[in-house]
């Protein structure tokens, strides 16, 4: 399942906040309660590379994820470049 970090700016109070979700959906302002704010930017967090010691771990949010990304390890690599190459060669979703 896709996973996104959405960035919002409230049209009512101008506060900025983030929220992670499985889509780039509208959100309500947690500061003033204004409704239906659309994200002004989103970062795709479906696949990530995490460094653990001297290894780079490729992880992906699985299709079974619902309310959190529930990342699953796909492989460990000696370099970030190898992990990136692996992710680019696999079916993302």
N, C-alpha and C. Protein backbone atom coordinates (compact mmCIF):
# COMPACT_ATOMS: atom_id res chain seq x y z
N UNK A 1 0.85 -1.17 0.00
CA UNK A 1 0.00 0.00 0.00
C UNK A 1 0.89 1.23 0.00
N UNK A 2 0.51 2.20 -0.76
CA UNK A 2 1.24 3.46 -0.77
C UNK A 2 1.16 4.11 0.60
N UNK A 3 2.19 4.86 0.95
CA UNK A 3 2.20 5.58 2.22
C UNK A 3 2.82 6.95 1.98
N UNK A 4 2.17 7.99 2.49
CA UNK A 4 2.60 9.36 2.23
C UNK A 4 2.73 10.18 3.50
N UNK A 5 3.68 11.10 3.49
CA UNK A 5 3.77 12.15 4.49
C UNK A 5 3.21 13.39 3.81
N UNK A 6 2.04 13.81 4.24
CA UNK A 6 1.36 14.97 3.66
C UNK A 6 1.67 16.22 4.48
N UNK A 7 1.93 17.32 3.79
CA UNK A 7 2.19 18.61 4.44
C UNK A 7 1.04 19.55 4.14
N UNK A 8 0.50 20.16 5.18
CA UNK A 8 -0.69 21.01 5.07
C UNK A 8 -0.40 22.42 5.59
N UNK A 9 -1.11 23.39 5.04
CA UNK A 9 -1.12 24.76 5.57
C UNK A 9 -2.58 25.16 5.65
N UNK A 10 -3.00 25.58 6.83
CA UNK A 10 -4.39 25.94 7.06
C UNK A 10 -4.74 27.26 6.40
N UNK A 11 -5.84 27.29 5.68
CA UNK A 11 -6.33 28.53 5.05
C UNK A 11 -6.92 29.47 6.09
N UNK A 12 -7.29 28.94 7.25
CA UNK A 12 -7.89 29.77 8.29
C UNK A 12 -6.88 30.42 9.22
N UNK A 13 -5.96 29.63 9.77
CA UNK A 13 -5.02 30.16 10.77
C UNK A 13 -3.56 30.17 10.30
N UNK A 14 -3.30 29.66 9.10
CA UNK A 14 -1.97 29.63 8.48
C UNK A 14 -0.97 28.69 9.17
N UNK A 15 -1.41 27.89 10.13
CA UNK A 15 -0.52 26.93 10.76
C UNK A 15 -0.19 25.81 9.78
N UNK A 16 0.98 25.22 9.96
CA UNK A 16 1.43 24.11 9.12
C UNK A 16 1.51 22.86 9.97
N UNK A 17 1.11 21.72 9.40
CA UNK A 17 1.21 20.44 10.09
C UNK A 17 1.44 19.34 9.08
N UNK A 18 1.81 18.16 9.57
CA UNK A 18 2.00 16.99 8.72
C UNK A 18 1.11 15.87 9.22
N UNK A 19 0.81 14.95 8.32
CA UNK A 19 0.04 13.76 8.67
C UNK A 19 0.44 12.66 7.71
N UNK A 20 0.62 11.45 8.22
CA UNK A 20 0.92 10.31 7.36
C UNK A 20 -0.36 9.54 7.09
N UNK A 21 -0.52 9.15 5.82
CA UNK A 21 -1.71 8.39 5.46
C UNK A 21 -1.45 7.62 4.17
N UNK A 22 -2.35 6.77 3.80
CA UNK A 22 -2.19 5.92 2.63
C UNK A 22 -2.58 6.62 1.33
N UNK A 23 -2.90 7.90 1.39
CA UNK A 23 -3.22 8.66 0.18
C UNK A 23 -2.92 10.14 0.46
N UNK A 24 -3.02 10.95 -0.56
CA UNK A 24 -2.79 12.39 -0.41
C UNK A 24 -4.15 13.06 -0.21
N UNK A 25 -4.76 12.78 0.93
CA UNK A 25 -6.13 13.21 1.20
C UNK A 25 -6.19 14.54 1.95
N UNK A 26 -7.36 15.15 1.91
CA UNK A 26 -7.61 16.36 2.69
C UNK A 26 -7.61 16.02 4.18
N UNK A 27 -7.34 17.03 4.99
CA UNK A 27 -7.30 16.85 6.44
C UNK A 27 -7.91 18.08 7.10
N UNK A 28 -8.33 17.93 8.34
CA UNK A 28 -8.85 19.06 9.11
C UNK A 28 -7.72 19.63 9.96
N UNK A 29 -7.68 20.94 10.09
CA UNK A 29 -6.62 21.61 10.85
C UNK A 29 -6.69 21.21 12.32
N UNK A 30 -5.60 20.67 12.87
CA UNK A 30 -5.60 20.30 14.29
C UNK A 30 -5.49 21.51 15.22
N UNK A 31 -5.24 22.69 14.65
CA UNK A 31 -5.07 23.90 15.46
C UNK A 31 -6.38 24.67 15.63
N UNK A 32 -7.09 24.88 14.51
CA UNK A 32 -8.32 25.69 14.60
C UNK A 32 -9.57 24.94 14.15
N UNK A 33 -9.40 23.74 13.60
CA UNK A 33 -10.54 22.94 13.19
C UNK A 33 -11.07 23.21 11.80
N UNK A 34 -10.42 24.10 11.04
CA UNK A 34 -10.86 24.35 9.66
C UNK A 34 -10.85 23.02 8.90
N UNK A 35 -11.84 22.83 8.06
CA UNK A 35 -12.03 21.53 7.41
C UNK A 35 -11.54 21.51 5.98
N UNK A 36 -11.20 20.31 5.55
CA UNK A 36 -10.92 19.99 4.15
C UNK A 36 -9.72 20.73 3.57
N UNK A 37 -8.61 20.76 4.30
CA UNK A 37 -7.39 21.36 3.78
C UNK A 37 -6.67 20.32 2.93
N UNK A 38 -6.30 20.70 1.73
CA UNK A 38 -5.56 19.81 0.84
C UNK A 38 -4.06 19.95 1.10
N UNK A 39 -3.30 18.86 0.95
CA UNK A 39 -1.86 18.98 1.16
C UNK A 39 -1.22 19.88 0.10
N UNK A 40 -0.25 20.70 0.53
CA UNK A 40 0.48 21.51 -0.45
C UNK A 40 1.70 20.78 -0.97
N UNK A 41 2.05 19.66 -0.29
CA UNK A 41 3.14 18.82 -0.74
C UNK A 41 2.98 17.46 -0.09
N UNK A 42 3.48 16.42 -0.74
CA UNK A 42 3.44 15.07 -0.18
C UNK A 42 4.73 14.36 -0.53
N UNK A 43 5.20 13.59 0.42
CA UNK A 43 6.41 12.79 0.21
C UNK A 43 6.02 11.32 0.22
N UNK A 44 6.39 10.59 -0.82
CA UNK A 44 6.06 9.18 -0.91
C UNK A 44 6.98 8.38 0.01
N UNK A 45 6.40 7.74 1.02
CA UNK A 45 7.15 6.95 1.99
C UNK A 45 6.87 5.45 1.83
N UNK A 46 6.34 5.05 0.67
CA UNK A 46 5.99 3.65 0.47
C UNK A 46 7.21 2.75 0.57
N UNK A 47 8.29 3.17 -0.06
CA UNK A 47 9.56 2.44 0.00
C UNK A 47 10.63 3.35 0.58
N UNK A 48 11.41 2.80 1.48
CA UNK A 48 12.47 3.56 2.12
C UNK A 48 13.73 2.72 2.23
N UNK A 49 14.84 3.39 2.43
CA UNK A 49 16.10 2.71 2.72
C UNK A 49 16.57 3.23 4.08
N UNK A 50 16.74 2.31 5.00
CA UNK A 50 17.19 2.66 6.35
C UNK A 50 18.59 2.10 6.55
N UNK A 51 19.46 2.90 7.14
CA UNK A 51 20.80 2.41 7.42
C UNK A 51 20.82 1.80 8.82
N UNK A 52 21.32 0.57 8.90
CA UNK A 52 21.50 -0.13 10.17
C UNK A 52 22.94 -0.59 10.23
N UNK A 53 23.72 0.09 11.04
CA UNK A 53 25.15 -0.22 11.10
C UNK A 53 25.79 0.06 9.76
N UNK A 54 26.44 -0.94 9.18
CA UNK A 54 27.06 -0.75 7.88
C UNK A 54 26.23 -1.34 6.74
N UNK A 55 24.96 -1.65 7.00
CA UNK A 55 24.07 -2.19 5.97
C UNK A 55 22.96 -1.18 5.65
N UNK A 56 22.44 -1.29 4.43
CA UNK A 56 21.31 -0.48 4.00
C UNK A 56 20.14 -1.42 3.76
N UNK A 57 19.05 -1.16 4.48
CA UNK A 57 17.90 -2.06 4.48
C UNK A 57 16.78 -1.44 3.65
N UNK A 58 16.35 -2.17 2.62
CA UNK A 58 15.23 -1.74 1.79
C UNK A 58 13.95 -2.23 2.45
N UNK A 59 12.99 -1.31 2.67
CA UNK A 59 11.72 -1.66 3.30
C UNK A 59 10.57 -1.10 2.46
N UNK A 60 9.40 -1.75 2.57
CA UNK A 60 8.22 -1.32 1.82
C UNK A 60 6.98 -1.52 2.68
N UNK A 61 6.05 -0.59 2.54
CA UNK A 61 4.74 -0.73 3.18
C UNK A 61 3.93 -1.73 2.35
N UNK A 62 3.49 -2.84 2.95
CA UNK A 62 2.80 -3.88 2.18
C UNK A 62 1.34 -3.52 1.88
N UNK A 63 0.75 -4.23 0.94
CA UNK A 63 -0.66 -4.02 0.58
C UNK A 63 -1.59 -4.23 1.77
N UNK A 64 -1.17 -5.01 2.77
CA UNK A 64 -2.01 -5.30 3.93
C UNK A 64 -2.02 -4.16 4.95
N UNK A 65 -1.16 -3.15 4.78
CA UNK A 65 -1.12 -2.04 5.74
C UNK A 65 -2.45 -1.28 5.70
N UNK A 66 -2.89 -0.84 6.87
CA UNK A 66 -4.15 -0.10 6.93
C UNK A 66 -3.99 1.25 7.60
N UNK A 67 -3.69 1.27 8.88
CA UNK A 67 -3.64 2.53 9.63
C UNK A 67 -2.22 2.96 9.97
N UNK A 68 -1.25 2.17 9.57
CA UNK A 68 0.16 2.50 9.72
C UNK A 68 0.91 1.79 8.59
N UNK A 69 2.11 2.23 8.26
CA UNK A 69 2.79 1.66 7.10
C UNK A 69 3.19 0.19 7.28
N UNK A 70 3.40 -0.29 8.51
CA UNK A 70 3.73 -1.69 8.79
C UNK A 70 4.85 -2.19 7.86
N UNK A 71 5.94 -1.45 7.81
CA UNK A 71 7.03 -1.75 6.88
C UNK A 71 7.54 -3.18 7.01
N UNK A 72 7.88 -3.75 5.86
CA UNK A 72 8.47 -5.09 5.78
C UNK A 72 9.83 -4.98 5.12
N UNK A 73 10.78 -5.72 5.67
CA UNK A 73 12.13 -5.72 5.10
C UNK A 73 12.14 -6.51 3.80
N UNK A 74 12.77 -5.93 2.76
CA UNK A 74 12.87 -6.59 1.46
C UNK A 74 14.27 -7.13 1.21
N UNK A 75 15.28 -6.51 1.81
CA UNK A 75 16.64 -6.97 1.61
C UNK A 75 17.64 -6.05 2.29
N UNK A 76 18.85 -6.58 2.49
CA UNK A 76 19.96 -5.82 3.09
C UNK A 76 21.09 -5.76 2.08
N UNK A 77 21.73 -4.59 2.01
CA UNK A 77 22.74 -4.35 0.99
C UNK A 77 23.93 -3.62 1.60
N UNK A 78 25.13 -3.85 1.03
CA UNK A 78 26.32 -3.18 1.57
C UNK A 78 26.40 -1.69 1.22
N UNK A 79 25.68 -1.26 0.18
CA UNK A 79 25.71 0.16 -0.19
C UNK A 79 24.29 0.67 -0.44
N UNK A 80 24.11 1.98 -0.25
CA UNK A 80 22.82 2.62 -0.55
C UNK A 80 22.49 2.46 -2.03
N UNK A 81 23.48 2.59 -2.88
CA UNK A 81 23.26 2.48 -4.33
C UNK A 81 22.69 1.11 -4.69
N UNK A 82 23.18 0.06 -4.06
CA UNK A 82 22.64 -1.28 -4.34
C UNK A 82 21.20 -1.41 -3.86
N UNK A 83 20.90 -0.82 -2.71
CA UNK A 83 19.52 -0.87 -2.19
C UNK A 83 18.60 -0.08 -3.12
N UNK A 84 19.04 1.09 -3.59
CA UNK A 84 18.24 1.89 -4.52
C UNK A 84 18.02 1.14 -5.83
N UNK A 85 19.06 0.49 -6.33
CA UNK A 85 18.94 -0.27 -7.57
C UNK A 85 17.94 -1.41 -7.40
N UNK A 86 18.00 -2.09 -6.26
CA UNK A 86 17.06 -3.17 -5.97
C UNK A 86 15.62 -2.64 -5.98
N UNK A 87 15.36 -1.53 -5.27
CA UNK A 87 14.00 -0.99 -5.22
C UNK A 87 13.52 -0.56 -6.60
N UNK A 88 14.40 0.01 -7.40
CA UNK A 88 13.98 0.47 -8.73
C UNK A 88 13.72 -0.70 -9.68
N UNK A 89 14.27 -1.87 -9.36
CA UNK A 89 14.07 -3.03 -10.24
C UNK A 89 12.90 -3.90 -9.82
N UNK A 90 12.29 -3.61 -8.67
CA UNK A 90 11.17 -4.43 -8.19
C UNK A 90 9.86 -3.69 -8.43
N UNK A 91 8.79 -4.44 -8.50
CA UNK A 91 7.45 -3.84 -8.64
C UNK A 91 7.13 -3.12 -7.36
N UNK A 92 6.88 -1.79 -7.45
CA UNK A 92 6.67 -0.95 -6.27
C UNK A 92 5.41 -1.29 -5.51
N UNK A 93 4.35 -1.66 -6.18
CA UNK A 93 3.07 -1.82 -5.46
C UNK A 93 2.43 -3.09 -5.89
